PDB file of all heavy atoms in Angstrom:
ATOM      1  N   GLU A   1     -16.132  -5.132   8.781  1.00  0.00           N
ATOM      2  CA  GLU A   1     -17.285  -4.618   8.056  1.00  0.00           C
ATOM      3  C   GLU A   1     -17.468  -3.110   8.236  1.00  0.00           C
ATOM      4  O   GLU A   1     -18.021  -2.444   7.385  1.00  0.00           O
ATOM      5  CB  GLU A   1     -18.553  -5.341   8.528  1.00  0.00           C
ATOM      6  CG  GLU A   1     -18.553  -6.832   8.198  1.00  0.00           C
ATOM      7  CD  GLU A   1     -19.831  -7.497   8.624  1.00  0.00           C
ATOM      8  OE1 GLU A   1     -20.710  -6.805   9.169  1.00  0.00           O
ATOM      9  OE2 GLU A   1     -19.962  -8.721   8.412  1.00  0.00           O
ATOM     10  N   ARG A   2     -17.036  -2.573   9.370  1.00  0.00           N
ATOM     11  CA  ARG A   2     -17.219  -1.155   9.630  1.00  0.00           C
ATOM     12  C   ARG A   2     -16.260  -0.336   8.788  1.00  0.00           C
ATOM     13  O   ARG A   2     -15.059  -0.574   8.783  1.00  0.00           O
ATOM     14  CB  ARG A   2     -16.986  -0.870  11.110  1.00  0.00           C
ATOM     15  CG  ARG A   2     -17.202   0.592  11.479  1.00  0.00           C
ATOM     16  CD  ARG A   2     -16.943   0.812  12.954  1.00  0.00           C
ATOM     17  NE  ARG A   2     -17.096   2.209  13.304  1.00  0.00           N
ATOM     18  CZ  ARG A   2     -16.830   2.708  14.503  1.00  0.00           C
ATOM     19  NH1 ARG A   2     -16.395   1.898  15.452  1.00  0.00           N
ATOM     20  NH2 ARG A   2     -16.983   3.986  14.745  1.00  0.00           N
ATOM     21  N   HIS A   3     -16.794   0.645   8.059  1.00  0.00           N
ATOM     22  CA  HIS A   3     -15.947   1.453   7.192  1.00  0.00           C
ATOM     23  C   HIS A   3     -15.065   2.372   8.030  1.00  0.00           C
ATOM     24  O   HIS A   3     -15.536   3.145   8.842  1.00  0.00           O
ATOM     25  CB  HIS A   3     -16.789   2.298   6.230  1.00  0.00           C
ATOM     26  CG  HIS A   3     -15.943   3.228   5.403  1.00  0.00           C
ATOM     27  ND1 HIS A   3     -15.386   2.846   4.212  1.00  0.00           N
ATOM     28  CD2 HIS A   3     -15.519   4.494   5.628  1.00  0.00           C
ATOM     29  CE1 HIS A   3     -14.673   3.851   3.720  1.00  0.00           C
ATOM     30  NE2 HIS A   3     -14.737   4.857   4.562  1.00  0.00           N
ATOM     31  N   GLN A   4     -13.761   2.254   7.826  1.00  0.00           N
ATOM     32  CA  GLN A   4     -12.817   3.125   8.506  1.00  0.00           C
ATOM     33  C   GLN A   4     -11.524   3.146   7.711  1.00  0.00           C
ATOM     34  O   GLN A   4     -10.999   2.106   7.339  1.00  0.00           O
ATOM     35  CB  GLN A   4     -12.561   2.635   9.934  1.00  0.00           C
ATOM     36  CG  GLN A   4     -12.168   3.723  10.901  1.00  0.00           C
ATOM     37  CD  GLN A   4     -12.339   3.267  12.346  1.00  0.00           C
ATOM     38  OE1 GLN A   4     -11.947   2.166  12.722  1.00  0.00           O
ATOM     39  NE2 GLN A   4     -12.931   4.100  13.162  1.00  0.00           N
ATOM     40  N   ARG A   5     -11.018   4.352   7.452  1.00  0.00           N
ATOM     41  CA  ARG A   5      -9.778   4.474   6.700  1.00  0.00           C
ATOM     42  C   ARG A   5      -8.597   4.171   7.610  1.00  0.00           C
ATOM     43  O   ARG A   5      -8.551   4.585   8.755  1.00  0.00           O
ATOM     44  CB  ARG A   5      -9.626   5.878   6.118  1.00  0.00           C
ATOM     45  CG  ARG A   5     -10.639   6.198   5.031  1.00  0.00           C
ATOM     46  CD  ARG A   5     -10.510   7.631   4.584  1.00  0.00           C
ATOM     47  NE  ARG A   5      -9.342   7.847   3.752  1.00  0.00           N
ATOM     48  CZ  ARG A   5      -8.416   8.780   3.965  1.00  0.00           C
ATOM     49  NH1 ARG A   5      -8.474   9.558   5.020  1.00  0.00           N
ATOM     50  NH2 ARG A   5      -7.411   8.936   3.132  1.00  0.00           N
ATOM     51  N   GLN A   6      -7.632   3.442   7.074  1.00  0.00           N
ATOM     52  CA  GLN A   6      -6.402   3.137   7.800  1.00  0.00           C
ATOM     53  C   GLN A   6      -5.240   3.740   7.025  1.00  0.00           C
ATOM     54  O   GLN A   6      -4.995   3.383   5.870  1.00  0.00           O
ATOM     55  CB  GLN A   6      -6.214   1.621   7.933  1.00  0.00           C
ATOM     56  CG  GLN A   6      -4.924   1.232   8.643  1.00  0.00           C
ATOM     57  CD  GLN A   6      -4.693  -0.270   8.613  1.00  0.00           C
ATOM     58  OE1 GLN A   6      -4.983  -0.928   7.613  1.00  0.00           O
ATOM     59  NE2 GLN A   6      -4.173  -0.812   9.696  1.00  0.00           N
ATOM     60  N   LEU A   7      -4.533   4.671   7.662  1.00  0.00           N
ATOM     61  CA  LEU A   7      -3.401   5.313   7.005  1.00  0.00           C
ATOM     62  C   LEU A   7      -2.231   4.347   6.910  1.00  0.00           C
ATOM     63  O   LEU A   7      -1.856   3.702   7.894  1.00  0.00           O
ATOM     64  CB  LEU A   7      -2.986   6.569   7.767  1.00  0.00           C
ATOM     65  CG  LEU A   7      -3.953   7.757   7.700  1.00  0.00           C
ATOM     66  CD1 LEU A   7      -3.437   8.901   8.559  1.00  0.00           C
ATOM     67  CD2 LEU A   7      -4.139   8.223   6.269  1.00  0.00           C
ATOM     68  N   ILE A   8      -1.650   4.261   5.732  1.00  0.00           N
ATOM     69  CA  ILE A   8      -0.444   3.456   5.522  1.00  0.00           C
ATOM     70  C   ILE A   8       0.790   4.323   5.706  1.00  0.00           C
ATOM     71  O   ILE A   8       1.750   3.930   6.372  1.00  0.00           O
ATOM     72  CB  ILE A   8      -0.458   2.817   4.126  1.00  0.00           C
ATOM     73  CG1 ILE A   8      -1.673   1.896   3.983  1.00  0.00           C
ATOM     74  CG2 ILE A   8       0.835   2.061   3.852  1.00  0.00           C
ATOM     75  CD1 ILE A   8      -1.894   1.398   2.574  1.00  0.00           C
ATOM     76  N   ALA A   9       0.778   5.526   5.140  1.00  0.00           N
ATOM     77  CA  ALA A   9       1.879   6.475   5.290  1.00  0.00           C
ATOM     78  C   ALA A   9       1.401   7.837   4.811  1.00  0.00           C
ATOM     79  O   ALA A   9       0.469   7.946   4.006  1.00  0.00           O
ATOM     80  CB  ALA A   9       3.101   6.026   4.500  1.00  0.00           C
ATOM     81  N   THR A  10       2.058   8.893   5.307  1.00  0.00           N
ATOM     82  CA  THR A  10       1.693  10.260   4.932  1.00  0.00           C
ATOM     83  C   THR A  10       2.926  11.026   4.458  1.00  0.00           C
ATOM     84  O   THR A  10       4.063  10.622   4.709  1.00  0.00           O
ATOM     85  CB  THR A  10       1.061  11.016   6.112  1.00  0.00           C
ATOM     86  OG1 THR A  10       2.066  11.207   7.125  1.00  0.00           O
ATOM     87  CG2 THR A  10      -0.104  10.243   6.702  1.00  0.00           C
ATOM     88  N   ASN A  11       2.668  12.140   3.780  1.00  0.00           N
ATOM     89  CA  ASN A  11       3.728  13.031   3.304  1.00  0.00           C
ATOM     90  C   ASN A  11       4.766  12.291   2.477  1.00  0.00           C
ATOM     91  O   ASN A  11       5.981  12.433   2.666  1.00  0.00           O
ATOM     92  CB  ASN A  11       4.409  13.728   4.491  1.00  0.00           C
ATOM     93  CG  ASN A  11       3.442  14.616   5.254  1.00  0.00           C
ATOM     94  OD1 ASN A  11       2.729  15.431   4.677  1.00  0.00           O
ATOM     95  ND2 ASN A  11       3.390  14.437   6.567  1.00  0.00           N
ATOM     96  N   ILE A  12       4.282  11.475   1.547  1.00  0.00           N
ATOM     97  CA  ILE A  12       5.162  10.693   0.685  1.00  0.00           C
ATOM     98  C   ILE A  12       5.093  11.231  -0.741  1.00  0.00           C
ATOM     99  O   ILE A  12       4.088  11.781  -1.173  1.00  0.00           O
ATOM    100  CB  ILE A  12       4.789   9.203   0.712  1.00  0.00           C
ATOM    101  CG1 ILE A  12       3.287   9.036   0.477  1.00  0.00           C
ATOM    102  CG2 ILE A  12       5.205   8.554   2.009  1.00  0.00           C
ATOM    103  CD1 ILE A  12       2.813   7.620   0.390  1.00  0.00           C
ATOM    104  N   ASP A  13       6.189  11.058  -1.463  1.00  0.00           N
ATOM    105  CA  ASP A  13       6.261  11.500  -2.849  1.00  0.00           C
ATOM    106  C   ASP A  13       6.039  10.355  -3.823  1.00  0.00           C
ATOM    107  O   ASP A  13       5.445  10.537  -4.877  1.00  0.00           O
ATOM    108  CB  ASP A  13       7.634  12.141  -3.115  1.00  0.00           C
ATOM    109  CG  ASP A  13       7.941  13.267  -2.153  1.00  0.00           C
ATOM    110  OD1 ASP A  13       7.236  14.288  -2.205  1.00  0.00           O
ATOM    111  OD2 ASP A  13       8.865  13.118  -1.330  1.00  0.00           O
ATOM    112  N   THR A  14       6.518   9.162  -3.439  1.00  0.00           N
ATOM    113  CA  THR A  14       6.460   8.008  -4.332  1.00  0.00           C
ATOM    114  C   THR A  14       5.986   6.775  -3.587  1.00  0.00           C
ATOM    115  O   THR A  14       6.407   6.525  -2.451  1.00  0.00           O
ATOM    116  CB  THR A  14       7.857   7.715  -4.933  1.00  0.00           C
ATOM    117  OG1 THR A  14       8.338   8.880  -5.605  1.00  0.00           O
ATOM    118  CG2 THR A  14       7.792   6.562  -5.924  1.00  0.00           C
ATOM    119  N   VAL A  15       5.097   6.023  -4.221  1.00  0.00           N
ATOM    120  CA  VAL A  15       4.680   4.709  -3.710  1.00  0.00           C
ATOM    121  C   VAL A  15       5.257   3.662  -4.652  1.00  0.00           C
ATOM    122  O   VAL A  15       4.909   3.625  -5.832  1.00  0.00           O
ATOM    123  CB  VAL A  15       3.153   4.565  -3.653  1.00  0.00           C
ATOM    124  CG1 VAL A  15       2.775   3.191  -3.111  1.00  0.00           C
ATOM    125  CG2 VAL A  15       2.537   5.655  -2.801  1.00  0.00           C
ATOM    126  N   MET A  16       6.166   2.839  -4.134  1.00  0.00           N
ATOM    127  CA  MET A  16       6.715   1.750  -4.935  1.00  0.00           C
ATOM    128  C   MET A  16       5.883   0.506  -4.682  1.00  0.00           C
ATOM    129  O   MET A  16       5.842  -0.007  -3.555  1.00  0.00           O
ATOM    130  CB  MET A  16       8.180   1.502  -4.590  1.00  0.00           C
ATOM    131  CG  MET A  16       9.124   2.568  -5.109  1.00  0.00           C
ATOM    132  SD  MET A  16      10.873   2.078  -4.954  1.00  0.00           S
ATOM    133  CE  MET A  16      11.652   3.521  -5.708  1.00  0.00           C
ATOM    134  N   LEU A  17       5.213   0.029  -5.717  1.00  0.00           N
ATOM    135  CA  LEU A  17       4.405  -1.186  -5.636  1.00  0.00           C
ATOM    136  C   LEU A  17       5.323  -2.370  -5.933  1.00  0.00           C
ATOM    137  O   LEU A  17       5.768  -2.539  -7.065  1.00  0.00           O
ATOM    138  CB  LEU A  17       3.249  -1.134  -6.633  1.00  0.00           C
ATOM    139  CG  LEU A  17       2.385   0.136  -6.600  1.00  0.00           C
ATOM    140  CD1 LEU A  17       1.292   0.068  -7.649  1.00  0.00           C
ATOM    141  CD2 LEU A  17       1.789   0.324  -5.218  1.00  0.00           C
ATOM    142  N   ILE A  18       5.616  -3.168  -4.914  1.00  0.00           N
ATOM    143  CA  ILE A  18       6.571  -4.259  -5.051  1.00  0.00           C
ATOM    144  C   ILE A  18       5.823  -5.558  -5.321  1.00  0.00           C
ATOM    145  O   ILE A  18       4.925  -5.946  -4.573  1.00  0.00           O
ATOM    146  CB  ILE A  18       7.424  -4.414  -3.772  1.00  0.00           C
ATOM    147  CG1 ILE A  18       7.954  -3.050  -3.305  1.00  0.00           C
ATOM    148  CG2 ILE A  18       8.556  -5.390  -4.020  1.00  0.00           C
ATOM    149  CD1 ILE A  18       8.833  -2.347  -4.297  1.00  0.00           C
ATOM    150  N   CYS A  19       6.212  -6.237  -6.397  1.00  0.00           N
ATOM    151  CA  CYS A  19       5.563  -7.497  -6.779  1.00  0.00           C
ATOM    152  C   CYS A  19       6.627  -8.447  -7.302  1.00  0.00           C
ATOM    153  O   CYS A  19       7.451  -8.055  -8.145  1.00  0.00           O
ATOM    154  CB  CYS A  19       4.498  -7.236  -7.849  1.00  0.00           C
ATOM    155  SG  CYS A  19       3.548  -8.689  -8.327  1.00  0.00           S
ATOM    156  N   GLY A  20       6.651  -9.667  -6.789  1.00  0.00           N
ATOM    157  CA  GLY A  20       7.645 -10.630  -7.227  1.00  0.00           C
ATOM    158  C   GLY A  20       7.291 -11.262  -8.561  1.00  0.00           C
ATOM    159  O   GLY A  20       6.120 -11.500  -8.866  1.00  0.00           O
ATOM    160  N   LEU A  21       8.322 -11.552  -9.357  1.00  0.00           N
ATOM    161  CA  LEU A  21       8.126 -12.217 -10.646  1.00  0.00           C
ATOM    162  C   LEU A  21       8.135 -13.741 -10.452  1.00  0.00           C
ATOM    163  O   LEU A  21       8.815 -14.474 -11.158  1.00  0.00           O
ATOM    164  CB  LEU A  21       9.213 -11.788 -11.631  1.00  0.00           C
ATOM    165  CG  LEU A  21       9.032 -10.374 -12.210  1.00  0.00           C
ATOM    166  CD1 LEU A  21      10.298  -9.920 -12.925  1.00  0.00           C
ATOM    167  CD2 LEU A  21       7.845 -10.348 -13.168  1.00  0.00           C
ATOM    168  N   ASP A  22       7.360 -14.174  -9.470  1.00  0.00           N
ATOM    169  CA  ASP A  22       7.195 -15.601  -9.205  1.00  0.00           C
ATOM    170  C   ASP A  22       5.701 -15.832  -9.035  1.00  0.00           C
ATOM    171  O   ASP A  22       4.899 -15.221  -9.754  1.00  0.00           O
ATOM    172  CB  ASP A  22       8.005 -16.030  -7.974  1.00  0.00           C
ATOM    173  CG  ASP A  22       7.757 -15.134  -6.754  1.00  0.00           C
ATOM    174  OD1 ASP A  22       6.841 -14.301  -6.802  1.00  0.00           O
ATOM    175  OD2 ASP A  22       8.470 -15.295  -5.739  1.00  0.00           O
ATOM    176  N   GLY A  23       5.293 -16.636  -8.093  1.00  0.00           N
ATOM    177  CA  GLY A  23       3.869 -16.844  -7.869  1.00  0.00           C
ATOM    178  C   GLY A  23       3.167 -15.613  -7.328  1.00  0.00           C
ATOM    179  O   GLY A  23       1.938 -15.574  -7.280  1.00  0.00           O
ATOM    180  N   ASP A  24       3.920 -14.613  -6.907  1.00  0.00           N
ATOM    181  CA  ASP A  24       3.343 -13.378  -6.383  1.00  0.00           C
ATOM    182  C   ASP A  24       2.827 -12.464  -7.498  1.00  0.00           C
ATOM    183  O   ASP A  24       2.025 -11.565  -7.243  1.00  0.00           O
ATOM    184  CB  ASP A  24       4.405 -12.643  -5.551  1.00  0.00           C
ATOM    185  CG  ASP A  24       3.887 -11.369  -4.907  1.00  0.00           C
ATOM    186  OD1 ASP A  24       2.901 -11.452  -4.151  1.00  0.00           O
ATOM    187  OD2 ASP A  24       4.464 -10.296  -5.163  1.00  0.00           O
TER     188      ASP A  24
END
């Protein structure tokens, strides 16, 4: 519940959003 940012990665050029062509 407490608001806090969580870094996933820094200094990146591209974010590839991976999604399966199945139930995902």
